[in-house]
Amino acid sequence: MRLYALSHELVQTWHDDPDFLVFGVVASDTDHLPTGSARQYWSPDALAREDRNIAAYEAKSRADILTACQSIVSRFSDA
């Protein structure tokens, strides 16, 4: 998660910042899921199962993630 990685440059402690905390939680909750190049090592059946889990997690978290993104853009935008 790129925003989680950027948090170390933008705020003193990400876990005390409500916006970046969202991304820390998402990173922690999903670090076991197959993404990127790791997917090549998973079986098709396992990928199908975990893709359903990823979709469910995204649907459950979408509103919180969008709210945090909007807040971060507002806070750190030059405009």
PDB file of N, CA and C in Angstrom:
ATOM      1  N   MET A   1       0.840  -1.177   0.000  1.00  0.00           N
ATOM      2  CA  MET A   1       0.000   0.000   0.000  1.00  0.00           C
ATOM      3  C   MET A   1       0.886   1.241   0.000  1.00  0.00           C
ATOM      4  N   ARG A   2       0.764   1.964  -1.061  1.00  0.00           N
ATOM      5  CA  ARG A   2       1.631   3.134  -1.228  1.00  0.00           C
ATOM      6  C   ARG A   2       1.331   4.246  -0.224  1.00  0.00           C
ATOM      7  N   LEU A   3       0.059   4.476   0.076  1.00  0.00           N
ATOM      8  CA  LEU A   3      -0.254   5.543   1.040  1.00  0.00           C
ATOM      9  C   LEU A   3       0.251   5.177   2.431  1.00  0.00           C
ATOM     10  N   TYR A   4       0.154   3.908   2.778  1.00  0.00           N
ATOM     11  CA  TYR A   4       0.694   3.482   4.063  1.00  0.00           C
ATOM     12  C   TYR A   4       2.199   3.733   4.107  1.00  0.00           C
ATOM     13  N   ALA A   5       2.908   3.418   3.026  1.00  0.00           N
ATOM     14  CA  ALA A   5       4.350   3.639   2.970  1.00  0.00           C
ATOM     15  C   ALA A   5       4.683   5.130   3.053  1.00  0.00           C
ATOM     16  N   LEU A   6       3.881   5.956   2.404  1.00  0.00           N
ATOM     17  CA  LEU A   6       4.112   7.410   2.444  1.00  0.00           C
ATOM     18  C   LEU A   6       3.835   8.019   3.815  1.00  0.00           C
ATOM     19  N   SER A   7       3.041   7.359   4.603  1.00  0.00           N
ATOM     20  CA  SER A   7       2.668   7.923   5.900  1.00  0.00           C
ATOM     21  C   SER A   7       3.886   8.242   6.747  1.00  0.00           C
ATOM     22  N   HIS A   8       4.940   7.472   6.605  1.00  0.00           N
ATOM     23  CA  HIS A   8       6.144   7.694   7.412  1.00  0.00           C
ATOM     24  C   HIS A   8       6.835   9.012   7.047  1.00  0.00           C
ATOM     25  N   GLU A   9       6.560   9.516   5.857  1.00  0.00           N
ATOM     26  CA  GLU A   9       7.140  10.785   5.428  1.00  0.00           C
ATOM     27  C   GLU A   9       6.219  11.972   5.706  1.00  0.00           C
ATOM     28  N   LEU A  10       4.919  11.700   5.874  1.00  0.00           N
ATOM     29  CA  LEU A  10       3.948  12.792   5.957  1.00  0.00           C
ATOM     30  C   LEU A  10       3.457  13.100   7.363  1.00  0.00           C
ATOM     31  N   VAL A  11       3.413  12.103   8.221  1.00  0.00           N
ATOM     32  CA  VAL A  11       2.915  12.319   9.582  1.00  0.00           C
ATOM     33  C   VAL A  11       3.898  11.723  10.586  1.00  0.00           C
ATOM     34  N   GLN A  12       3.851  12.246  11.790  1.00  0.00           N
ATOM     35  CA  GLN A  12       4.799  11.808  12.808  1.00  0.00           C
ATOM     36  C   GLN A  12       4.603  10.332  13.156  1.00  0.00           C
ATOM     37  N   THR A  13       3.374   9.949  13.439  1.00  0.00           N
ATOM     38  CA  THR A  13       3.077   8.540  13.745  1.00  0.00           C
ATOM     39  C   THR A  13       1.774   8.163  13.053  1.00  0.00           C
ATOM     40  N   TRP A  14       1.858   7.228  12.110  1.00  0.00           N
ATOM     41  CA  TRP A  14       0.690   6.866  11.308  1.00  0.00           C
ATOM     42  C   TRP A  14      -0.434   6.306  12.159  1.00  0.00           C
ATOM     43  N   HIS A  15      -0.105   5.605  13.223  1.00  0.00           N
ATOM     44  CA  HIS A  15      -1.151   4.967  14.029  1.00  0.00           C
ATOM     45  C   HIS A  15      -1.913   5.954  14.897  1.00  0.00           C
ATOM     46  N   ASP A  16      -1.427   7.190  15.003  1.00  0.00           N
ATOM     47  CA  ASP A  16      -2.160   8.236  15.716  1.00  0.00           C
ATOM     48  C   ASP A  16      -2.934   9.149  14.774  1.00  0.00           C
ATOM     49  N   ASP A  17      -2.793   8.923  13.465  1.00  0.00           N
ATOM     50  CA  ASP A  17      -3.464   9.738  12.466  1.00  0.00           C
ATOM     51  C   ASP A  17      -4.652   8.953  11.915  1.00  0.00           C
ATOM     52  N   PRO A  18      -5.865   9.457  12.079  1.00  0.00           N
ATOM     53  CA  PRO A  18      -7.043   8.671  11.678  1.00  0.00           C
ATOM     54  C   PRO A  18      -7.080   8.316  10.195  1.00  0.00           C
ATOM     55  N   ASP A  19      -6.537   9.167   9.347  1.00  0.00           N
ATOM     56  CA  ASP A  19      -6.542   8.865   7.916  1.00  0.00           C
ATOM     57  C   ASP A  19      -5.548   7.759   7.578  1.00  0.00           C
ATOM     58  N   PHE A  20      -4.331   7.887   8.051  1.00  0.00           N
ATOM     59  CA  PHE A  20      -3.313   6.888   7.742  1.00  0.00           C
ATOM     60  C   PHE A  20      -3.522   5.592   8.514  1.00  0.00           C
ATOM     61  N   LEU A  21      -4.212   5.669   9.634  1.00  0.00           N
ATOM     62  CA  LEU A  21      -4.542   4.453  10.371  1.00  0.00           C
ATOM     63  C   LEU A  21      -5.372   3.510   9.506  1.00  0.00           C
ATOM     64  N   VAL A  22      -6.270   4.064   8.710  1.00  0.00           N
ATOM     65  CA  VAL A  22      -7.079   3.248   7.799  1.00  0.00           C
ATOM     66  C   VAL A  22      -6.173   2.394   6.919  1.00  0.00           C
ATOM     67  N   PHE A  23      -5.132   3.002   6.361  1.00  0.00           N
ATOM     68  CA  PHE A  23      -4.250   2.272   5.456  1.00  0.00           C
ATOM     69  C   PHE A  23      -3.357   1.282   6.189  1.00  0.00           C
ATOM     70  N   GLY A  24      -2.990   1.603   7.407  1.00  0.00           N
ATOM     71  CA  GLY A  24      -2.231   0.652   8.223  1.00  0.00           C
ATOM     72  C   GLY A  24      -3.056  -0.582   8.533  1.00  0.00           C
ATOM     73  N   VAL A  25      -4.316  -0.376   8.848  1.00  0.00           N
ATOM     74  CA  VAL A  25      -5.206  -1.497   9.130  1.00  0.00           C
ATOM     75  C   VAL A  25      -5.413  -2.346   7.876  1.00  0.00           C
ATOM     76  N   VAL A  26      -5.649  -1.688   6.741  1.00  0.00           N
ATOM     77  CA  VAL A  26      -5.837  -2.422   5.487  1.00  0.00           C
ATOM     78  C   VAL A  26      -4.577  -3.234   5.164  1.00  0.00           C
ATOM     79  N   ALA A  27      -3.406  -2.625   5.298  1.00  0.00           N
ATOM     80  CA  ALA A  27      -2.151  -3.332   5.023  1.00  0.00           C
ATOM     81  C   ALA A  27      -2.011  -4.557   5.921  1.00  0.00           C
ATOM     82  N   SER A  28      -2.332  -4.395   7.185  1.00  0.00           N
ATOM     83  CA  SER A  28      -2.233  -5.510   8.127  1.00  0.00           C
ATOM     84  C   SER A  28      -3.260  -6.602   7.821  1.00  0.00           C
ATOM     85  N   ASP A  29      -4.480  -6.182   7.512  1.00  0.00           N
ATOM     86  CA  ASP A  29      -5.554  -7.149   7.248  1.00  0.00           C
ATOM     87  C   ASP A  29      -5.353  -7.929   5.955  1.00  0.00           C
ATOM     88  N   THR A  30      -4.599  -7.372   5.024  1.00  0.00           N
ATOM     89  CA  THR A  30      -4.511  -7.987   3.701  1.00  0.00           C
ATOM     90  C   THR A  30      -3.112  -8.470   3.330  1.00  0.00           C
ATOM     91  N   ASP A  31      -2.167  -8.398   4.244  1.00  0.00           N
ATOM     92  CA  ASP A  31      -0.790  -8.753   3.872  1.00  0.00           C
ATOM     93  C   ASP A  31      -0.609 -10.222   3.513  1.00  0.00           C
ATOM     94  N   HIS A  32      -1.564 -11.064   3.858  1.00  0.00           N
ATOM     95  CA  HIS A  32      -1.475 -12.492   3.525  1.00  0.00           C
ATOM     96  C   HIS A  32      -2.109 -12.823   2.171  1.00  0.00           C
ATOM     97  N   LEU A  33      -2.765 -11.856   1.551  1.00  0.00           N
ATOM     98  CA  LEU A  33      -3.476 -12.110   0.301  1.00  0.00           C
ATOM     99  C   LEU A  33      -2.530 -12.044  -0.894  1.00  0.00           C
ATOM    100  N   PRO A  34      -2.796 -12.848  -1.918  1.00  0.00           N
ATOM    101  CA  PRO A  34      -1.909 -12.890  -3.083  1.00  0.00           C
ATOM    102  C   PRO A  34      -2.080 -11.665  -3.980  1.00  0.00           C
ATOM    103  N   THR A  35      -1.041 -10.859  -4.055  1.00  0.00           N
ATOM    104  CA  THR A  35      -1.047  -9.686  -4.925  1.00  0.00           C
ATOM    105  C   THR A  35       0.269  -9.628  -5.680  1.00  0.00           C
ATOM    106  N   GLY A  36       0.270  -8.869  -6.741  1.00  0.00           N
ATOM    107  CA  GLY A  36       1.494  -8.663  -7.505  1.00  0.00           C
ATOM    108  C   GLY A  36       2.105  -9.955  -8.015  1.00  0.00           C
ATOM    109  N   SER A  37       3.418 -10.011  -7.988  1.00  0.00           N
ATOM    110  CA  SER A  37       4.128 -11.163  -8.535  1.00  0.00           C
ATOM    111  C   SER A  37       3.919 -12.436  -7.718  1.00  0.00           C
ATOM    112  N   ALA A  38       3.494 -12.328  -6.471  1.00  0.00           N
ATOM    113  CA  ALA A  38       3.253 -13.517  -5.648  1.00  0.00           C
ATOM    114  C   ALA A  38       2.131 -14.385  -6.209  1.00  0.00           C
ATOM    115  N   ARG A  39       1.254 -13.797  -6.995  1.00  0.00           N
ATOM    116  CA  ARG A  39       0.116 -14.548  -7.546  1.00  0.00           C
ATOM    117  C   ARG A  39       0.569 -15.713  -8.427  1.00  0.00           C
ATOM    118  N   GLN A  40       1.733 -15.601  -9.033  1.00  0.00           N
ATOM    119  CA  GLN A  40       2.200 -16.659  -9.935  1.00  0.00           C
ATOM    120  C   GLN A  40       2.471 -17.969  -9.198  1.00  0.00           C
ATOM    121  N   TYR A  41       2.623 -17.914  -7.892  1.00  0.00           N
ATOM    122  CA  TYR A  41       2.930 -19.103  -7.106  1.00  0.00           C
ATOM    123  C   TYR A  41       1.687 -19.765  -6.502  1.00  0.00           C
ATOM    124  N   TRP A  42       0.539 -19.185  -6.730  1.00  0.00           N
ATOM    125  CA  TRP A  42      -0.702 -19.712  -6.173  1.00  0.00           C
ATOM    126  C   TRP A  42      -1.426 -20.567  -7.211  1.00  0.00           C
ATOM    127  N   SER A  43      -2.128 -21.570  -6.731  1.00  0.00           N
ATOM    128  CA  SER A  43      -2.914 -22.406  -7.641  1.00  0.00           C
ATOM    129  C   SER A  43      -4.146 -21.629  -8.105  1.00  0.00           C
ATOM    130  N   PRO A  44      -4.691 -21.968  -9.262  1.00  0.00           N
ATOM    131  CA  PRO A  44      -5.888 -21.282  -9.753  1.00  0.00           C
ATOM    132  C   PRO A  44      -7.068 -21.343  -8.779  1.00  0.00           C
ATOM    133  N   ASP A  45      -7.254 -22.492  -8.138  1.00  0.00           N
ATOM    134  CA  ASP A  45      -8.362 -22.619  -7.172  1.00  0.00           C
ATOM    135  C   ASP A  45      -8.156 -21.703  -5.977  1.00  0.00           C
ATOM    136  N   ALA A  46      -6.934 -21.664  -5.474  1.00  0.00           N
ATOM    137  CA  ALA A  46      -6.646 -20.799  -4.324  1.00  0.00           C
ATOM    138  C   ALA A  46      -6.781 -19.328  -4.712  1.00  0.00           C
ATOM    139  N   LEU A  47      -6.326 -18.979  -5.910  1.00  0.00           N
ATOM    140  CA  LEU A  47      -6.469 -17.587  -6.367  1.00  0.00           C
ATOM    141  C   LEU A  47      -7.935 -17.198  -6.480  1.00  0.00           C
ATOM    142  N   ALA A  48      -8.758 -18.089  -7.010  1.00  0.00           N
ATOM    143  CA  ALA A  48     -10.189 -17.796  -7.135  1.00  0.00           C
ATOM    144  C   ALA A  48     -10.802 -17.543  -5.759  1.00  0.00           C
ATOM    145  N   ARG A  49     -10.454 -18.388  -4.793  1.00  0.00           N
ATOM    146  CA  ARG A  49     -10.969 -18.226  -3.426  1.00  0.00           C
ATOM    147  C   ARG A  49     -10.504 -16.902  -2.831  1.00  0.00           C
ATOM    148  N   GLU A  50      -9.203 -16.618  -2.938  1.00  0.00           N
ATOM    149  CA  GLU A  50      -8.669 -15.402  -2.334  1.00  0.00           C
ATOM    150  C   GLU A  50      -9.125 -14.150  -3.082  1.00  0.00           C
ATOM    151  N   ASP A  51      -9.363 -14.261  -4.375  1.00  0.00           N
ATOM    152  CA  ASP A  51      -9.919 -13.115  -5.113  1.00  0.00           C
ATOM    153  C   ASP A  51     -11.315 -12.765  -4.605  1.00  0.00           C
ATOM    154  N   ARG A  52     -12.077 -13.770  -4.219  1.00  0.00           N
ATOM    155  CA  ARG A  52     -13.390 -13.497  -3.611  1.00  0.00           C
ATOM    156  C   ARG A  52     -13.210 -12.809  -2.260  1.00  0.00           C
ATOM    157  N   ASN A  53     -12.225 -13.241  -1.497  1.00  0.00           N
ATOM    158  CA  ASN A  53     -11.939 -12.603  -0.208  1.00  0.00           C
ATOM    159  C   ASN A  53     -11.475 -11.155  -0.400  1.00  0.00           C
ATOM    160  N   ILE A  54     -10.637 -10.923  -1.409  1.00  0.00           N
ATOM    161  CA  ILE A  54     -10.172  -9.574  -1.702  1.00  0.00           C
ATOM    162  C   ILE A  54     -11.355  -8.676  -2.078  1.00  0.00           C
ATOM    163  N   ALA A  55     -12.228  -9.180  -2.940  1.00  0.00           N
ATOM    164  CA  ALA A  55     -13.390  -8.401  -3.372  1.00  0.00           C
ATOM    165  C   ALA A  55     -14.301  -8.072  -2.187  1.00  0.00           C
ATOM    166  N   ALA A  56     -14.502  -9.034  -1.307  1.00  0.00           N
ATOM    167  CA  ALA A  56     -15.349  -8.799  -0.129  1.00  0.00           C
ATOM    168  C   ALA A  56     -14.714  -7.762   0.792  1.00  0.00           C
ATOM    169  N   TYR A  57     -13.404  -7.862   0.990  1.00  0.00           N
ATOM    170  CA  TYR A  57     -12.715  -6.892   1.844  1.00  0.00           C
ATOM    171  C   TYR A  57     -12.783  -5.496   1.238  1.00  0.00           C
ATOM    172  N   GLU A  58     -12.560  -5.416  -0.072  1.00  0.00           N
ATOM    173  CA  GLU A  58     -12.639  -4.112  -0.749  1.00  0.00           C
ATOM    174  C   GLU A  58     -14.023  -3.504  -0.607  1.00  0.00           C
ATOM    175  N   ALA A  59     -15.051  -4.304  -0.797  1.00  0.00           N
ATOM    176  CA  ALA A  59     -16.418  -3.795  -0.684  1.00  0.00           C
ATOM    177  C   ALA A  59     -16.699  -3.304   0.736  1.00  0.00           C
ATOM    178  N   LYS A  60     -16.226  -4.044   1.717  1.00  0.00           N
ATOM    179  CA  LYS A  60     -16.449  -3.689   3.124  1.00  0.00           C
ATOM    180  C   LYS A  60     -15.688  -2.424   3.511  1.00  0.00           C
ATOM    181  N   SER A  61     -14.517  -2.222   2.926  1.00  0.00           N
ATOM    182  CA  SER A  61     -13.630  -1.126   3.331  1.00  0.00           C
ATOM    183  C   SER A  61     -13.700   0.099   2.432  1.00  0.00           C
ATOM    184  N   ARG A  62     -14.368  -0.004   1.313  1.00  0.00           N
ATOM    185  CA  ARG A  62     -14.357   1.048   0.288  1.00  0.00           C
ATOM    186  C   ARG A  62     -14.710   2.433   0.847  1.00  0.00           C
ATOM    187  N   ALA A  63     -15.755   2.549   1.609  1.00  0.00           N
ATOM    188  CA  ALA A  63     -16.186   3.860   2.118  1.00  0.00           C
ATOM    189  C   ALA A  63     -15.122   4.475   3.027  1.00  0.00           C
ATOM    190  N   ASP A  64     -14.556   3.671   3.932  1.00  0.00           N
ATOM    191  CA  ASP A  64     -13.519   4.189   4.835  1.00  0.00           C
ATOM    192  C   ASP A  64     -12.272   4.610   4.062  1.00  0.00           C
ATOM    193  N   ILE A  65     -11.907   3.824   3.048  1.00  0.00           N
ATOM    194  CA  ILE A  65     -10.723   4.137   2.251  1.00  0.00           C
ATOM    195  C   ILE A  65     -10.937   5.423   1.456  1.00  0.00           C
ATOM    196  N   LEU A  66     -12.097   5.562   0.824  1.00  0.00           N
ATOM    197  CA  LEU A  66     -12.376   6.773   0.051  1.00  0.00           C
ATOM    198  C   LEU A  66     -12.393   8.014   0.937  1.00  0.00           C
ATOM    199  N   THR A  67     -12.986   7.900   2.109  1.00  0.00           N
ATOM    200  CA  THR A  67     -13.014   9.026   3.040  1.00  0.00           C
ATOM    201  C   THR A  67     -11.599   9.417   3.458  1.00  0.00           C
ATOM    202  N   ALA A  68     -10.770   8.433   3.768  1.00  0.00           N
ATOM    203  CA  ALA A  68      -9.381   8.718   4.160  1.00  0.00           C
ATOM    204  C   ALA A  68      -8.615   9.346   2.997  1.00  0.00           C
ATOM    205  N   CYS A  69      -8.817   8.847   1.787  1.00  0.00           N
ATOM    206  CA  CYS A  69      -8.138   9.421   0.611  1.00  0.00           C
ATOM    207  C   CYS A  69      -8.542  10.878   0.406  1.00  0.00           C
ATOM    208  N   GLN A  70      -9.824  11.151   0.495  1.00  0.00           N
ATOM    209  CA  GLN A  70     -10.296  12.524   0.315  1.00  0.00           C
ATOM    210  C   GLN A  70      -9.701  13.442   1.380  1.00  0.00           C
ATOM    211  N   SER A  71      -9.626  12.974   2.587  1.00  0.00           N
ATOM    212  CA  SER A  71      -9.066  13.769   3.672  1.00  0.00           C
ATOM    213  C   SER A  71      -7.576  14.024   3.451  1.00  0.00           C
ATOM    214  N   ILE A  72      -6.850  13.008   3.024  1.00  0.00           N
ATOM    215  CA  ILE A  72      -5.414  13.158   2.782  1.00  0.00           C
ATOM    216  C   ILE A  72      -5.172  14.140   1.646  1.00  0.00           C
ATOM    217  N   VAL A  73      -5.933  14.029   0.573  1.00  0.00           N
ATOM    218  CA  VAL A  73      -5.787  14.971  -0.544  1.00  0.00           C
ATOM    219  C   VAL A  73      -6.055  16.388  -0.063  1.00  0.00           C
ATOM    220  N   SER A  74      -7.093  16.554   0.724  1.00  0.00           N
ATOM    221  CA  SER A  74      -7.431  17.875   1.235  1.00  0.00           C
ATOM    222  C   SER A  74      -6.328  18.417   2.144  1.00  0.00           C
ATOM    223  N   ARG A  75      -5.802  17.584   3.001  1.00  0.00           N
ATOM    224  CA  ARG A  75      -4.786  18.015   3.957  1.00  0.00           C
ATOM    225  C   ARG A  75      -3.448  18.338   3.308  1.00  0.00           C
ATOM    226  N   PHE A  76      -3.060  17.569   2.300  1.00  0.00           N
ATOM    227  CA  PHE A  76      -1.708  17.682   1.764  1.00  0.00           C
ATOM    228  C   PHE A  76      -1.661  18.290   0.367  1.00  0.00           C
ATOM    229  N   SER A  77      -2.787  18.788  -0.107  1.00  0.00           N
ATOM    230  CA  SER A  77      -2.834  19.427  -1.420  1.00  0.00           C
ATOM    231  C   SER A  77      -2.281  20.846  -1.314  1.00  0.00           C
ATOM    232  N   ASP A  78      -1.604  21.278  -2.348  1.00  0.00           N
ATOM    233  CA  ASP A  78      -1.076  22.648  -2.390  1.00  0.00           C
ATOM    234  C   ASP A  78      -2.177  23.669  -2.661  1.00  0.00           C
ATOM    235  N   ALA A  79      -3.274  23.220  -3.198  1.00  0.00           N
ATOM    236  CA  ALA A  79      -4.364  24.144  -3.568  1.00  0.00           C
ATOM    237  C   ALA A  79      -5.163  24.562  -2.369  1.00  0.00           C
TER     238      ALA A  79
END
